[in-house]
Amino acid sequence: MKGFEVIFMAPRSRRHRGKPVLDSVAAIAKSHDIRRHTRRVDAEGTGASGHTHSAHFFELADEPEELMFVLDGEKADELMNAVEEEKLHVFCIRRTIEFWEFGH
C-alpha cells in the first residue's frame, strides 16, 4: 500500500497547554481515529536554534522524542492540518512510503 510516514519531533520539555507537545499530537491523532503510532526516545538532537537536547542524569525532561505514524494520504493530511490548527510548536517530516501488514 502507498502512503506516508509522518514523524513529529520535539524535546520532552516542550509543552502545550501544560503537557508534553507530543502527547498533544497523540491526543489529536486519537481524536481523528488514528490509533497506531510509534514513540521513540532519542539520545540527542540539535534543534534549528543550535541548542542540543539530550537526556542527562539531571535533566531527563530535555530528551528528544519522535512520534511516528504510517498513514494513507487522506489521514496524513487530516492529522497535519489538525496539528497546524492547534498551533503546536513541533517539527514534522512527511515522506512517501510503501507499507504492508502481514498475517492480519
Protein backbone atom coordinates (compact mmCIF):
# COMPACT_ATOMS: atom_id res chain seq x y z
CA MET A 1 0.00 0.00 0.00
CA LYS A 2 1.23 3.52 -0.68
CA GLY A 3 1.06 6.18 1.99
CA PHE A 4 3.13 8.45 4.19
CA GLU A 5 5.40 8.20 7.18
CA VAL A 6 4.70 11.27 9.32
CA ILE A 7 7.18 11.94 12.13
CA PHE A 8 6.77 14.69 14.72
CA MET A 9 9.87 15.66 16.74
CA ALA A 10 10.24 17.72 19.91
CA PRO A 11 12.12 17.69 23.20
CA ARG A 12 10.16 16.16 26.08
CA SER A 13 10.40 19.52 27.89
CA ARG A 14 8.34 21.35 25.22
CA ARG A 15 4.80 21.89 26.48
CA HIS A 16 1.41 22.74 25.00
CA ARG A 17 -1.31 23.61 27.50
CA GLY A 18 0.70 22.06 30.30
CA LYS A 19 1.52 18.69 28.76
CA PRO A 20 4.32 17.47 26.50
CA VAL A 21 3.73 18.62 22.93
CA LEU A 22 3.97 15.08 21.51
CA ASP A 23 1.28 13.95 23.96
CA SER A 24 -0.88 16.69 22.40
CA VAL A 25 -0.11 15.35 18.91
CA ALA A 26 -1.05 11.82 20.05
CA ALA A 27 -4.34 13.15 21.51
CA ILE A 28 -5.14 14.96 18.26
CA ALA A 29 -4.42 11.77 16.31
CA LYS A 30 -6.69 9.75 18.59
CA SER A 31 -9.49 12.31 18.15
CA HIS A 32 -9.20 11.69 14.38
CA ASP A 33 -9.42 7.88 14.80
CA ILE A 34 -5.69 7.43 14.25
CA ARG A 35 -4.78 4.85 16.87
CA ARG A 36 -1.48 3.34 15.70
CA HIS A 37 1.80 5.16 16.31
CA THR A 38 5.35 4.57 17.50
CA ARG A 39 7.13 6.80 20.00
CA ARG A 40 10.90 6.81 20.13
CA VAL A 41 13.19 8.48 22.63
CA ASP A 42 16.46 9.64 21.14
CA ALA A 43 19.81 10.08 22.86
CA GLU A 44 20.48 13.53 21.47
CA GLY A 45 19.21 16.05 18.94
CA THR A 46 20.05 19.60 17.88
CA GLY A 47 17.23 21.98 17.00
CA ALA A 48 17.07 24.82 14.49
CA SER A 49 18.37 27.26 17.12
CA GLY A 50 21.51 25.17 17.54
CA HIS A 51 20.55 24.10 21.09
CA THR A 52 21.38 20.46 21.80
CA HIS A 53 18.69 18.45 23.56
CA SER A 54 19.68 15.28 25.35
CA ALA A 55 18.75 13.11 28.31
CA HIS A 56 21.21 13.89 31.07
CA PHE A 57 21.17 12.39 34.53
CA PHE A 58 19.98 15.72 35.95
CA GLU A 59 17.63 16.78 33.14
CA LEU A 60 15.69 13.85 31.70
CA ALA A 61 12.88 16.15 30.54
CA ASP A 62 15.02 17.59 27.72
CA GLU A 63 15.41 14.28 25.87
CA PRO A 64 14.42 14.45 22.20
CA GLU A 65 11.42 12.34 21.17
CA GLU A 66 9.79 11.27 17.92
CA LEU A 67 6.17 10.29 17.34
CA MET A 68 5.75 8.36 14.07
CA PHE A 69 2.63 7.47 12.12
CA VAL A 70 2.14 5.43 8.93
CA LEU A 71 -0.96 6.79 7.18
CA ASP A 72 -2.75 6.95 3.86
CA GLY A 73 -2.78 10.33 2.13
CA GLU A 74 -6.16 11.47 3.46
CA LYS A 75 -5.33 10.68 7.10
CA ALA A 76 -1.84 12.21 6.79
CA ASP A 77 -3.37 15.48 5.53
CA GLU A 78 -6.05 15.37 8.23
CA LEU A 79 -3.51 14.92 11.04
CA MET A 80 -1.09 17.54 9.78
CA ASN A 81 -3.89 20.09 9.29
CA ALA A 82 -5.24 19.42 12.79
CA VAL A 83 -1.79 19.88 14.36
CA GLU A 84 -1.31 23.10 12.41
CA GLU A 85 -4.74 24.40 13.50
CA GLU A 86 -3.81 23.74 17.14
CA LYS A 87 -0.66 25.87 16.58
CA LEU A 88 1.66 23.32 18.17
CA HIS A 89 5.38 24.17 18.15
CA VAL A 90 6.65 20.90 16.67
CA PHE A 91 8.93 19.82 13.80
CA CYS A 92 7.46 17.36 11.28
CA ILE A 93 8.73 15.16 8.47
CA ARG A 94 6.40 13.61 5.90
CA ARG A 95 7.75 11.17 3.34
CA THR A 96 6.16 8.91 0.76
CA ILE A 97 6.42 5.21 1.57
CA GLU A 98 5.05 1.80 0.67
CA PHE A 99 3.88 -0.38 3.54
CA TRP A 100 2.38 -3.78 4.18
CA GLU A 101 0.78 -5.58 7.10
CA PHE A 102 1.30 -9.34 7.08
CA GLY A 103 -0.62 -12.06 8.92
CA HIS A 104 -3.62 -9.91 9.69
